[in-house]
Amino acid sequence: MRVTINGKTEEVSGSTVLEILRAKDVSPQMVAVELNSKMLEREELGSALVKDGDAIELLFYLGGGD
């Protein structure tokens, strides 16, 4: 299935957001996820179905600063 992740079209396997995160080796605790312009709660990642052509935005949490 082809989806757009952070503006880049990719071929992915998995039918839920959580499965796609795992396939990309991304920890669900380290990202906020938007699916088709809707921000998802962490509890929704395992049930949020992804379809061909969907858009996913991954917002990574980064530490740092003074």
PDB file of N, CA and C in Angstrom:
ATOM      1  N   MET A   1       0.856  -1.169   0.000  1.00  0.00           N
ATOM      2  CA  MET A   1       0.000   0.000   0.000  1.00  0.00           C
ATOM      3  C   MET A   1       0.905   1.235   0.000  1.00  0.00           C
ATOM      4  N   ARG A   2       0.466   2.260  -0.709  1.00  0.00           N
ATOM      5  CA  ARG A   2       1.232   3.507  -0.793  1.00  0.00           C
ATOM      6  C   ARG A   2       0.562   4.572   0.075  1.00  0.00           C
ATOM      7  N   VAL A   3       1.357   5.163   0.950  1.00  0.00           N
ATOM      8  CA  VAL A   3       0.893   6.259   1.792  1.00  0.00           C
ATOM      9  C   VAL A   3       1.936   7.366   1.756  1.00  0.00           C
ATOM     10  N   THR A   4       1.554   8.522   2.212  1.00  0.00           N
ATOM     11  CA  THR A   4       2.496   9.633   2.315  1.00  0.00           C
ATOM     12  C   THR A   4       2.851   9.806   3.779  1.00  0.00           C
ATOM     13  N   ILE A   5       4.146   9.711   4.083  1.00  0.00           N
ATOM     14  CA  ILE A   5       4.621   9.885   5.456  1.00  0.00           C
ATOM     15  C   ILE A   5       5.549  11.094   5.478  1.00  0.00           C
ATOM     16  N   ASN A   6       5.152  12.104   6.242  1.00  0.00           N
ATOM     17  CA  ASN A   6       5.902  13.355   6.337  1.00  0.00           C
ATOM     18  C   ASN A   6       6.244  13.910   4.954  1.00  0.00           C
ATOM     19  N   GLY A   7       5.243  13.879   4.061  1.00  0.00           N
ATOM     20  CA  GLY A   7       5.393  14.476   2.741  1.00  0.00           C
ATOM     21  C   GLY A   7       6.057  13.601   1.692  1.00  0.00           C
ATOM     22  N   LYS A   8       6.472  12.395   2.058  1.00  0.00           N
ATOM     23  CA  LYS A   8       7.159  11.500   1.130  1.00  0.00           C
ATOM     24  C   LYS A   8       6.305  10.252   0.900  1.00  0.00           C
ATOM     25  N   THR A   9       6.043   9.927  -0.365  1.00  0.00           N
ATOM     26  CA  THR A   9       5.269   8.729  -0.679  1.00  0.00           C
ATOM     27  C   THR A   9       6.116   7.494  -0.432  1.00  0.00           C
ATOM     28  N   GLU A  10       5.542   6.544   0.299  1.00  0.00           N
ATOM     29  CA  GLU A  10       6.251   5.310   0.647  1.00  0.00           C
ATOM     30  C   GLU A  10       5.343   4.105   0.455  1.00  0.00           C
ATOM     31  N   GLU A  11       5.970   2.981   0.169  1.00  0.00           N
ATOM     32  CA  GLU A  11       5.269   1.692   0.121  1.00  0.00           C
ATOM     33  C   GLU A  11       5.416   1.085   1.516  1.00  0.00           C
ATOM     34  N   VAL A  12       4.292   0.790   2.171  1.00  0.00           N
ATOM     35  CA  VAL A  12       4.334   0.255   3.532  1.00  0.00           C
ATOM     36  C   VAL A  12       3.495  -1.002   3.638  1.00  0.00           C
ATOM     37  N   SER A  13       3.818  -1.798   4.649  1.00  0.00           N
ATOM     38  CA  SER A  13       2.974  -2.936   4.975  1.00  0.00           C
ATOM     39  C   SER A  13       2.382  -2.677   6.348  1.00  0.00           C
ATOM     40  N   GLY A  14       1.230  -3.207   6.589  1.00  0.00           N
ATOM     41  CA  GLY A  14       0.541  -2.976   7.858  1.00  0.00           C
ATOM     42  C   GLY A  14      -0.781  -2.304   7.589  1.00  0.00           C
ATOM     43  N   SER A  15      -1.740  -2.581   8.438  1.00  0.00           N
ATOM     44  CA  SER A  15      -3.070  -2.009   8.216  1.00  0.00           C
ATOM     45  C   SER A  15      -3.449  -0.982   9.276  1.00  0.00           C
ATOM     46  N   THR A  16      -2.636  -0.859  10.334  1.00  0.00           N
ATOM     47  CA  THR A  16      -2.902   0.157  11.358  1.00  0.00           C
ATOM     48  C   THR A  16      -1.680   1.054  11.496  1.00  0.00           C
ATOM     49  N   VAL A  17      -1.889   2.197  12.111  1.00  0.00           N
ATOM     50  CA  VAL A  17      -0.779   3.121  12.343  1.00  0.00           C
ATOM     51  C   VAL A  17       0.300   2.446  13.192  1.00  0.00           C
ATOM     52  N   LEU A  18      -0.104   1.716  14.222  1.00  0.00           N
ATOM     53  CA  LEU A  18       0.861   1.054  15.089  1.00  0.00           C
ATOM     54  C   LEU A  18       1.711   0.043  14.309  1.00  0.00           C
ATOM     55  N   GLU A  19       1.103  -0.728  13.430  1.00  0.00           N
ATOM     56  CA  GLU A  19       1.862  -1.689  12.624  1.00  0.00           C
ATOM     57  C   GLU A  19       2.877  -0.978  11.729  1.00  0.00           C
ATOM     58  N   ILE A  20       2.491   0.156  11.167  1.00  0.00           N
ATOM     59  CA  ILE A  20       3.412   0.914  10.316  1.00  0.00           C
ATOM     60  C   ILE A  20       4.557   1.481  11.150  1.00  0.00           C
ATOM     61  N   LEU A  21       4.260   1.995  12.338  1.00  0.00           N
ATOM     62  CA  LEU A  21       5.323   2.493  13.216  1.00  0.00           C
ATOM     63  C   LEU A  21       6.309   1.380  13.541  1.00  0.00           C
ATOM     64  N   ARG A  22       5.805   0.215  13.890  1.00  0.00           N
ATOM     65  CA  ARG A  22       6.684  -0.916  14.218  1.00  0.00           C
ATOM     66  C   ARG A  22       7.533  -1.318  13.016  1.00  0.00           C
ATOM     67  N   ALA A  23       6.943  -1.338  11.820  1.00  0.00           N
ATOM     68  CA  ALA A  23       7.682  -1.700  10.611  1.00  0.00           C
ATOM     69  C   ALA A  23       8.789  -0.697  10.316  1.00  0.00           C
ATOM     70  N   LYS A  24       8.580   0.550  10.705  1.00  0.00           N
ATOM     71  CA  LYS A  24       9.592   1.599  10.504  1.00  0.00           C
ATOM     72  C   LYS A  24      10.521   1.719  11.708  1.00  0.00           C
ATOM     73  N   ASP A  25      10.351   0.848  12.700  1.00  0.00           N
ATOM     74  CA  ASP A  25      11.168   0.850  13.911  1.00  0.00           C
ATOM     75  C   ASP A  25      11.071   2.187  14.665  1.00  0.00           C
ATOM     76  N   VAL A  26       9.838   2.691  14.766  1.00  0.00           N
ATOM     77  CA  VAL A  26       9.563   3.940  15.473  1.00  0.00           C
ATOM     78  C   VAL A  26       8.782   3.609  16.734  1.00  0.00           C
ATOM     79  N   SER A  27       9.287   4.046  17.876  1.00  0.00           N
ATOM     80  CA  SER A  27       8.613   3.813  19.150  1.00  0.00           C
ATOM     81  C   SER A  27       7.390   4.727  19.266  1.00  0.00           C
ATOM     82  N   PRO A  28       6.213   4.156  19.550  1.00  0.00           N
ATOM     83  CA  PRO A  28       5.009   4.977  19.679  1.00  0.00           C
ATOM     84  C   PRO A  28       5.115   6.031  20.786  1.00  0.00           C
ATOM     85  N   GLN A  29       5.966   5.794  21.768  1.00  0.00           N
ATOM     86  CA  GLN A  29       6.137   6.753  22.863  1.00  0.00           C
ATOM     87  C   GLN A  29       6.952   7.977  22.441  1.00  0.00           C
ATOM     88  N   MET A  30       7.621   7.895  21.290  1.00  0.00           N
ATOM     89  CA  MET A  30       8.511   8.980  20.869  1.00  0.00           C
ATOM     90  C   MET A  30       7.916   9.865  19.776  1.00  0.00           C
ATOM     91  N   VAL A  31       6.661   9.606  19.389  1.00  0.00           N
ATOM     92  CA  VAL A  31       6.063  10.400  18.319  1.00  0.00           C
ATOM     93  C   VAL A  31       4.617  10.771  18.632  1.00  0.00           C
ATOM     94  N   ALA A  32       4.208  11.876  18.055  1.00  0.00           N
ATOM     95  CA  ALA A  32       2.793  12.215  17.965  1.00  0.00           C
ATOM     96  C   ALA A  32       2.430  11.921  16.513  1.00  0.00           C
ATOM     97  N   VAL A  33       1.232  11.389  16.288  1.00  0.00           N
ATOM     98  CA  VAL A  33       0.852  10.953  14.952  1.00  0.00           C
ATOM     99  C   VAL A  33      -0.421  11.657  14.499  1.00  0.00           C
ATOM    100  N   GLU A  34      -0.362  12.140  13.261  1.00  0.00           N
ATOM    101  CA  GLU A  34      -1.519  12.746  12.622  1.00  0.00           C
ATOM    102  C   GLU A  34      -1.852  11.887  11.405  1.00  0.00           C
ATOM    103  N   LEU A  35      -3.094  11.468  11.292  1.00  0.00           N
ATOM    104  CA  LEU A  35      -3.565  10.660  10.164  1.00  0.00           C
ATOM    105  C   LEU A  35      -4.609  11.460   9.415  1.00  0.00           C
ATOM    106  N   ASN A  36      -4.302  11.805   8.165  1.00  0.00           N
ATOM    107  CA  ASN A  36      -5.230  12.604   7.341  1.00  0.00           C
ATOM    108  C   ASN A  36      -5.710  13.853   8.085  1.00  0.00           C
ATOM    109  N   SER A  37      -4.747  14.604   8.635  1.00  0.00           N
ATOM    110  CA  SER A  37      -4.991  15.882   9.331  1.00  0.00           C
ATOM    111  C   SER A  37      -5.718  15.742  10.661  1.00  0.00           C
ATOM    112  N   LYS A  38      -5.847  14.523  11.194  1.00  0.00           N
ATOM    113  CA  LYS A  38      -6.469  14.320  12.509  1.00  0.00           C
ATOM    114  C   LYS A  38      -5.427  13.770  13.469  1.00  0.00           C
ATOM    115  N   MET A  39      -5.191  14.506  14.562  1.00  0.00           N
ATOM    116  CA  MET A  39      -4.243  14.065  15.574  1.00  0.00           C
ATOM    117  C   MET A  39      -4.821  12.853  16.295  1.00  0.00           C
ATOM    118  N   LEU A  40      -4.007  11.803  16.429  1.00  0.00           N
ATOM    119  CA  LEU A  40      -4.454  10.577  17.084  1.00  0.00           C
ATOM    120  C   LEU A  40      -3.970  10.519  18.524  1.00  0.00           C
ATOM    121  N   GLU A  41      -4.807  10.000  19.394  1.00  0.00           N
ATOM    122  CA  GLU A  41      -4.393   9.706  20.763  1.00  0.00           C
ATOM    123  C   GLU A  41      -3.555   8.430  20.720  1.00  0.00           C
ATOM    124  N   ARG A  42      -2.637   8.284  21.647  1.00  0.00           N
ATOM    125  CA  ARG A  42      -1.769   7.106  21.670  1.00  0.00           C
ATOM    126  C   ARG A  42      -2.581   5.800  21.718  1.00  0.00           C
ATOM    127  N   GLU A  43      -3.711   5.820  22.432  1.00  0.00           N
ATOM    128  CA  GLU A  43      -4.545   4.625  22.542  1.00  0.00           C
ATOM    129  C   GLU A  43      -5.184   4.233  21.205  1.00  0.00           C
ATOM    130  N   GLU A  44      -5.260   5.169  20.268  1.00  0.00           N
ATOM    131  CA  GLU A  44      -5.890   4.915  18.969  1.00  0.00           C
ATOM    132  C   GLU A  44      -4.951   4.296  17.943  1.00  0.00           C
ATOM    133  N   LEU A  45      -3.653   4.303  18.199  1.00  0.00           N
ATOM    134  CA  LEU A  45      -2.686   3.876  17.187  1.00  0.00           C
ATOM    135  C   LEU A  45      -2.908   2.441  16.718  1.00  0.00           C
ATOM    136  N   GLY A  46      -3.297   1.559  17.621  1.00  0.00           N
ATOM    137  CA  GLY A  46      -3.511   0.160  17.262  1.00  0.00           C
ATOM    138  C   GLY A  46      -4.813  -0.096  16.532  1.00  0.00           C
ATOM    139  N   SER A  47      -5.737   0.842  16.602  1.00  0.00           N
ATOM    140  CA  SER A  47      -7.035   0.639  15.944  1.00  0.00           C
ATOM    141  C   SER A  47      -7.259   1.576  14.759  1.00  0.00           C
ATOM    142  N   ALA A  48      -6.377   2.559  14.583  1.00  0.00           N
ATOM    143  CA  ALA A  48      -6.526   3.505  13.472  1.00  0.00           C
ATOM    144  C   ALA A  48      -6.100   2.838  12.168  1.00  0.00           C
ATOM    145  N   LEU A  49      -7.087   2.545  11.316  1.00  0.00           N
ATOM    146  CA  LEU A  49      -6.822   1.857  10.056  1.00  0.00           C
ATOM    147  C   LEU A  49      -6.246   2.821   9.022  1.00  0.00           C
ATOM    148  N   VAL A  50      -5.268   2.334   8.289  1.00  0.00           N
ATOM    149  CA  VAL A  50      -4.618   3.115   7.240  1.00  0.00           C
ATOM    150  C   VAL A  50      -5.014   2.512   5.900  1.00  0.00           C
ATOM    151  N   LYS A  51      -5.401   3.398   4.974  1.00  0.00           N
ATOM    152  CA  LYS A  51      -5.805   2.958   3.641  1.00  0.00           C
ATOM    153  C   LYS A  51      -4.847   3.514   2.600  1.00  0.00           C
ATOM    154  N   ASP A  52      -4.822   2.888   1.442  1.00  0.00           N
ATOM    155  CA  ASP A  52      -3.995   3.347   0.340  1.00  0.00           C
ATOM    156  C   ASP A  52      -4.279   4.819   0.067  1.00  0.00           C
ATOM    157  N   GLY A  53      -3.227   5.622  -0.034  1.00  0.00           N
ATOM    158  CA  GLY A  53      -3.380   7.042  -0.317  1.00  0.00           C
ATOM    159  C   GLY A  53      -3.476   7.936   0.901  1.00  0.00           C
ATOM    160  N   ASP A  54      -3.529   7.363   2.105  1.00  0.00           N
ATOM    161  CA  ASP A  54      -3.617   8.167   3.322  1.00  0.00           C
ATOM    162  C   ASP A  54      -2.326   8.960   3.550  1.00  0.00           C
ATOM    163  N   ALA A  55      -2.449  10.010   4.357  1.00  0.00           N
ATOM    164  CA  ALA A  55      -1.301  10.841   4.725  1.00  0.00           C
ATOM    165  C   ALA A  55      -1.063  10.720   6.230  1.00  0.00           C
ATOM    166  N   ILE A  56       0.176  10.425   6.575  1.00  0.00           N
ATOM    167  CA  ILE A  56       0.582  10.287   7.978  1.00  0.00           C
ATOM    168  C   ILE A  56       1.679  11.296   8.258  1.00  0.00           C
ATOM    169  N   GLU A  57       1.544  12.022   9.344  1.00  0.00           N
ATOM    170  CA  GLU A  57       2.598  12.926   9.802  1.00  0.00           C
ATOM    171  C   GLU A  57       3.108  12.405  11.135  1.00  0.00           C
ATOM    172  N   LEU A  58       4.411  12.239  11.244  1.00  0.00           N
ATOM    173  CA  LEU A  58       5.041  11.797  12.487  1.00  0.00           C
ATOM    174  C   LEU A  58       5.813  12.970  13.067  1.00  0.00           C
ATOM    175  N   LEU A  59       5.463  13.351  14.281  1.00  0.00           N
ATOM    176  CA  LEU A  59       6.118  14.457  14.976  1.00  0.00           C
ATOM    177  C   LEU A  59       6.932  13.871  16.116  1.00  0.00           C
ATOM    178  N   PHE A  60       8.253  13.943  15.981  1.00  0.00           N
ATOM    179  CA  PHE A  60       9.154  13.304  16.946  1.00  0.00           C
ATOM    180  C   PHE A  60       9.443  14.230  18.117  1.00  0.00           C
ATOM    181  N   TYR A  61       9.450  13.634  19.308  1.00  0.00           N
ATOM    182  CA  TYR A  61       9.824  14.368  20.517  1.00  0.00           C
ATOM    183  C   TYR A  61      11.333  14.357  20.645  1.00  0.00           C
ATOM    184  N   LEU A  62      11.923  15.532  20.833  1.00  0.00           N
ATOM    185  CA  LEU A  62      13.368  15.634  20.988  1.00  0.00           C
ATOM    186  C   LEU A  62      13.671  16.369  22.284  1.00  0.00           C
ATOM    187  N   GLY A  63      14.670  15.871  22.996  1.00  0.00           N
ATOM    188  CA  GLY A  63      15.098  16.541  24.215  1.00  0.00           C
ATOM    189  C   GLY A  63      16.272  17.450  23.902  1.00  0.00           C
ATOM    190  N   GLY A  64      16.607  18.258  24.842  1.00  0.00           N
ATOM    191  CA  GLY A  64      17.778  19.109  24.654  1.00  0.00           C
ATOM    192  C   GLY A  64      17.534  20.501  25.180  1.00  0.00           C
ATOM    193  N   GLY A  65      18.492  21.345  24.953  1.00  0.00           N
ATOM    194  CA  GLY A  65      18.400  22.722  25.418  1.00  0.00           C
ATOM    195  C   GLY A  65      19.160  22.914  26.705  1.00  0.00           C
ATOM    196  N   ASP A  66      19.117  24.114  27.186  1.00  0.00           N
ATOM    197  CA  ASP A  66      19.846  24.443  28.414  1.00  0.00           C
ATOM    198  C   ASP A  66      18.920  24.528  29.595  1.00  0.00           C
TER     199      ASP A  66
END
